[in-house]
Amino acid sequence: MQNPIKIKIRHLYFYYKTRTILENINIDIHANTITSITGPSGQGKSSFLTILNRLCHNMDGARVDGQVTIDFGNGFEDIFQKNYALPELRKRVGMVFQAPNPLPVSIYKNVTFPLKLAGKKNKDSIREKVKNALEHAFLWDEVKDRLSDDARLLSGGQQQRLCLARSLVLDPQVLLLDEPTSSLDETSVQVIEELLARLKNRCTIIMVSHYMDQVKRVADQQFILRDRQLKPG
């Protein structure tokens, strides 16, 4: 039996300055699945991801029309409602970018950063959440004895898993991944793919990828973005 729908997208248009990037997108994304977005470069795949947590609003000249509704447990919510709380949305919909972007602080402080922004103060609870996030990102055993080290000293694959842990520490219901393995070696790619297969039991994953072999290995649902249209793959 198919998983319930998590995200409904209806008549979605995305404009950047005078250009139409996305045109009349109508898709459903099911809960606890991995959905891949593929297609030629420069078509707006990354822009599509930023619409789902409204990071697109940080882009000068960007505009969205249409409806995106997400079921966070109490029925579908229109995330583009005028007074929708962006901090709450971005707790629920996390994002990991193409290039690892660890903060210039310790491994531990990298993972606690979202918790501090969210106003969490209980040190015991924070420590437990950090450990859980690092475990879910397959990183705990590698860093548990050097949590005070500068995060930038980690390898590329470790940095990407650290960024995943930083998103997971808030227990997001949706996780957006923009080319999460593009800069990694083969071993790191394998670790990340295994991680994603496990993570979909906890959240709904939407992933941009150029690698068709990877899409075949991990994706439950595939869409191709071409000529402003998003079509089933």
Protein backbone atom coordinates (compact mmCIF):
# COMPACT_ATOMS: atom_id res chain seq x y z
CA MET A 1 0.00 0.00 0.00
CA GLN A 2 1.30 3.44 -0.94
CA ASN A 3 2.38 5.80 1.85
CA PRO A 4 0.09 8.76 2.57
CA ILE A 5 0.72 12.06 0.81
CA LYS A 6 3.03 14.38 2.74
CA ILE A 7 3.31 17.34 0.34
CA LYS A 8 0.82 18.61 -2.23
CA ILE A 9 2.01 21.11 -4.84
CA ARG A 10 -0.61 22.75 -7.03
CA HIS A 11 -0.25 25.27 -9.88
CA LEU A 12 3.20 26.29 -8.69
CA TYR A 13 5.07 28.99 -10.57
CA PHE A 14 8.47 30.39 -9.66
CA TYR A 15 9.80 33.61 -11.14
CA TYR A 16 13.24 35.13 -10.80
CA LYS A 17 13.25 38.77 -11.87
CA THR A 18 11.89 38.68 -15.44
CA ARG A 19 12.37 34.92 -15.97
CA THR A 20 9.85 32.12 -15.42
CA ILE A 21 11.82 29.25 -13.86
CA LEU A 22 9.00 26.82 -12.95
CA GLU A 23 5.62 26.71 -14.63
CA ASN A 24 2.41 25.09 -13.38
CA ILE A 25 3.95 22.32 -11.24
CA ASN A 26 1.38 19.83 -9.90
CA ILE A 27 2.79 16.88 -7.94
CA ASP A 28 2.30 14.88 -4.75
CA ILE A 29 5.17 13.64 -2.59
CA HIS A 30 4.51 10.68 -0.31
CA ALA A 31 5.60 10.39 3.31
CA ASN A 32 8.70 8.41 4.28
CA THR A 33 9.99 8.10 0.75
CA ILE A 34 12.97 9.40 -1.18
CA THR A 35 11.94 11.56 -4.13
CA SER A 36 14.62 12.51 -6.66
CA ILE A 37 14.64 15.59 -8.87
CA THR A 38 16.84 15.21 -11.95
CA GLY A 39 17.28 17.10 -15.20
CA PRO A 40 19.72 19.31 -17.11
CA SER A 41 21.76 21.96 -15.29
CA GLY A 42 20.29 25.42 -14.90
CA GLN A 43 16.64 24.34 -14.98
CA GLY A 44 15.74 25.34 -11.41
CA LYS A 45 16.14 22.13 -9.42
CA SER A 46 17.81 23.85 -6.47
CA SER A 47 15.27 26.68 -6.66
CA PHE A 48 12.49 24.10 -6.38
CA LEU A 49 13.98 22.83 -3.11
CA THR A 50 14.20 26.33 -1.65
CA ILE A 51 10.49 26.85 -2.31
CA LEU A 52 9.64 24.01 0.06
CA ASN A 53 11.09 25.80 3.10
CA ARG A 54 10.72 29.31 1.67
CA LEU A 55 14.44 30.01 1.55
CA CYS A 56 13.61 31.34 -1.91
CA HIS A 57 12.30 34.46 -0.18
CA ASN A 58 15.91 35.32 0.67
CA MET A 59 16.59 35.74 -3.07
CA ASP A 60 16.18 39.29 -4.31
CA GLY A 61 13.79 39.27 -7.25
CA ALA A 62 12.23 35.85 -6.54
CA ARG A 63 8.47 35.34 -6.56
CA VAL A 64 6.25 32.29 -6.04
CA ASP A 65 2.64 31.75 -7.13
CA GLY A 66 0.54 28.68 -6.42
CA GLN A 67 0.07 26.46 -3.42
CA VAL A 68 2.38 24.22 -1.38
CA THR A 69 0.69 22.35 1.47
CA ILE A 70 2.42 19.98 3.88
CA ASP A 71 0.85 17.63 6.42
CA PHE A 72 2.90 17.97 9.60
CA GLY A 73 0.46 15.82 11.58
CA ASN A 74 -2.60 18.02 11.92
CA GLY A 75 -3.81 18.22 8.34
CA PHE A 76 -2.36 20.05 5.37
CA GLU A 77 -0.95 23.52 6.04
CA ASP A 78 -0.40 26.15 3.34
CA ILE A 79 3.21 27.17 3.94
CA PHE A 80 2.77 30.33 1.87
CA GLN A 81 0.06 31.77 4.08
CA LYS A 82 0.93 35.37 4.88
CA ASN A 83 1.49 34.84 8.62
CA TYR A 84 3.04 31.37 8.46
CA ALA A 85 5.91 31.17 10.98
CA LEU A 86 9.14 30.71 9.01
CA PRO A 87 11.26 29.58 11.99
CA GLU A 88 8.77 26.78 12.68
CA LEU A 89 8.68 25.80 8.99
CA ARG A 90 12.46 25.56 8.83
CA LYS A 91 12.55 23.35 11.92
CA ARG A 92 10.16 20.99 10.21
CA VAL A 93 11.75 21.20 6.74
CA GLY A 94 15.54 20.94 6.94
CA MET A 95 17.99 21.46 4.10
CA VAL A 96 21.51 20.27 3.31
CA PHE A 97 23.38 22.02 0.52
CA GLN A 98 25.61 20.68 -2.24
CA ALA A 99 28.91 21.77 -0.68
CA PRO A 100 29.44 20.95 3.01
CA ASN A 101 29.28 24.18 5.01
CA PRO A 102 30.47 23.50 8.57
CA LEU A 103 30.57 26.54 10.82
CA PRO A 104 34.05 27.68 11.97
CA VAL A 105 33.49 26.23 15.43
CA SER A 106 33.75 22.82 17.07
CA ILE A 107 31.96 19.69 15.89
CA TYR A 108 29.74 19.85 18.97
CA LYS A 109 28.82 23.51 18.50
CA ASN A 110 27.99 22.90 14.84
CA VAL A 111 25.29 20.44 15.83
CA THR A 112 24.01 22.48 18.78
CA PHE A 113 23.70 25.65 16.68
CA PRO A 114 20.11 25.01 15.49
CA LEU A 115 19.07 24.07 19.03
CA LYS A 116 20.43 27.33 20.40
CA LEU A 117 18.59 29.26 17.69
CA ALA A 118 15.43 27.41 18.70
CA GLY A 119 15.90 28.56 22.30
CA LYS A 120 16.84 25.18 23.78
CA LYS A 121 18.77 25.59 27.04
CA ASN A 122 18.71 22.27 28.91
CA LYS A 123 22.31 21.05 28.61
CA ASP A 124 21.50 17.39 29.25
CA SER A 125 18.77 17.42 26.62
CA ILE A 126 21.06 19.17 24.15
CA ARG A 127 23.83 16.62 24.69
CA GLU A 128 21.39 13.77 24.10
CA LYS A 129 20.03 15.36 20.94
CA VAL A 130 23.55 15.94 19.60
CA LYS A 131 24.51 12.32 20.21
CA ASN A 132 21.32 11.05 18.57
CA ALA A 133 21.79 13.29 15.53
CA LEU A 134 25.41 12.22 15.07
CA GLU A 135 24.41 8.57 15.43
CA HIS A 136 21.66 8.94 12.84
CA ALA A 137 24.23 10.57 10.52
CA PHE A 138 26.63 7.62 10.99
CA LEU A 139 29.20 9.97 12.49
CA TRP A 140 29.13 9.48 16.27
CA ASP A 141 31.69 6.67 16.45
CA GLU A 142 34.14 8.70 14.35
CA VAL A 143 33.94 11.94 16.34
CA LYS A 144 32.76 11.10 19.87
CA ASP A 145 36.27 11.52 21.27
CA ARG A 146 36.97 14.85 19.53
CA LEU A 147 33.74 16.82 19.70
CA SER A 148 35.71 19.94 20.66
CA ASP A 149 37.83 19.81 17.47
CA ASP A 150 37.30 22.35 14.69
CA ALA A 151 34.64 20.89 12.35
CA ARG A 152 36.59 22.12 9.33
CA LEU A 153 39.27 19.50 10.06
CA LEU A 154 36.86 16.68 9.15
CA SER A 155 37.08 15.00 5.76
CA GLY A 156 34.66 16.02 3.01
CA GLY A 157 32.42 13.02 3.61
CA GLN A 158 32.44 13.61 7.35
CA GLN A 159 31.63 17.29 6.87
CA GLN A 160 28.60 16.38 4.74
CA ARG A 161 27.39 13.94 7.41
CA LEU A 162 27.96 16.65 10.03
CA CYS A 163 25.71 18.98 8.02
CA LEU A 164 23.13 16.21 7.89
CA ALA A 165 23.39 15.81 11.66
CA ARG A 166 22.95 19.57 12.07
CA SER A 167 19.66 19.33 10.15
CA LEU A 168 18.55 16.16 11.91
CA VAL A 169 19.05 17.56 15.41
CA LEU A 170 15.71 19.40 15.11
CA ASP A 171 13.90 16.20 14.04
CA PRO A 172 12.64 17.58 10.71
CA GLN A 173 9.70 15.88 9.04
CA VAL A 174 11.01 16.76 5.57
CA LEU A 175 14.68 16.81 4.53
CA LEU A 176 15.82 18.63 1.37
CA LEU A 177 19.14 17.55 -0.15
CA ASP A 178 20.83 19.47 -2.96
CA GLU A 179 23.35 17.17 -4.66
CA PRO A 180 24.49 15.74 -1.30
CA THR A 181 27.21 13.49 -2.75
CA SER A 182 28.52 15.53 -5.70
CA SER A 183 31.88 16.35 -4.09
CA LEU A 184 32.48 13.04 -2.30
CA ASP A 185 34.60 10.00 -3.01
CA GLU A 186 33.04 6.63 -3.80
CA THR A 187 33.28 5.33 -0.23
CA SER A 188 31.63 8.44 1.20
CA VAL A 189 28.88 8.26 -1.43
CA GLN A 190 28.10 4.70 -0.37
CA VAL A 191 27.89 5.74 3.29
CA ILE A 192 25.56 8.65 2.48
CA GLU A 193 23.30 6.45 0.35
CA GLU A 194 23.03 3.88 3.12
CA LEU A 195 22.27 6.70 5.53
CA LEU A 196 19.47 8.04 3.31
CA ALA A 197 17.87 4.60 3.05
CA ARG A 198 17.62 4.52 6.84
CA LEU A 199 16.60 8.13 7.27
CA LYS A 200 13.43 7.79 5.21
CA ASN A 201 11.96 5.83 8.11
CA ARG A 202 12.15 9.09 10.10
CA CYS A 203 11.38 11.74 7.50
CA THR A 204 10.42 12.44 3.90
CA ILE A 205 13.44 13.10 1.68
CA ILE A 206 13.56 15.17 -1.51
CA MET A 207 16.91 15.01 -3.27
CA VAL A 208 18.36 16.77 -6.30
CA SER A 209 20.85 14.51 -8.07
CA HIS A 210 22.60 14.37 -11.45
CA TYR A 211 23.63 10.76 -10.95
CA MET A 212 21.12 8.41 -12.55
CA ASP A 213 22.76 5.31 -11.05
CA GLN A 214 22.30 6.85 -7.62
CA VAL A 215 18.67 7.71 -8.35
CA LYS A 216 18.01 4.09 -9.35
CA ARG A 217 19.62 2.86 -6.14
CA VAL A 218 17.89 5.08 -3.61
CA ALA A 219 14.82 6.87 -5.01
CA ASP A 220 11.26 5.64 -4.55
CA GLN A 221 9.89 8.32 -6.87
CA GLN A 222 11.60 10.29 -9.63
CA PHE A 223 10.74 13.57 -11.33
CA ILE A 224 12.56 15.21 -14.24
CA LEU A 225 12.74 19.01 -14.48
CA ARG A 226 13.04 20.27 -18.02
CA ASP A 227 11.66 23.32 -19.82
CA ARG A 228 10.09 24.64 -16.60
CA GLN A 229 8.05 21.46 -16.17
CA LEU A 230 8.38 18.75 -13.51
CA LYS A 231 7.28 15.38 -14.87
CA PRO A 232 7.40 11.81 -13.49
CA GLY A 233 10.61 10.06 -14.47
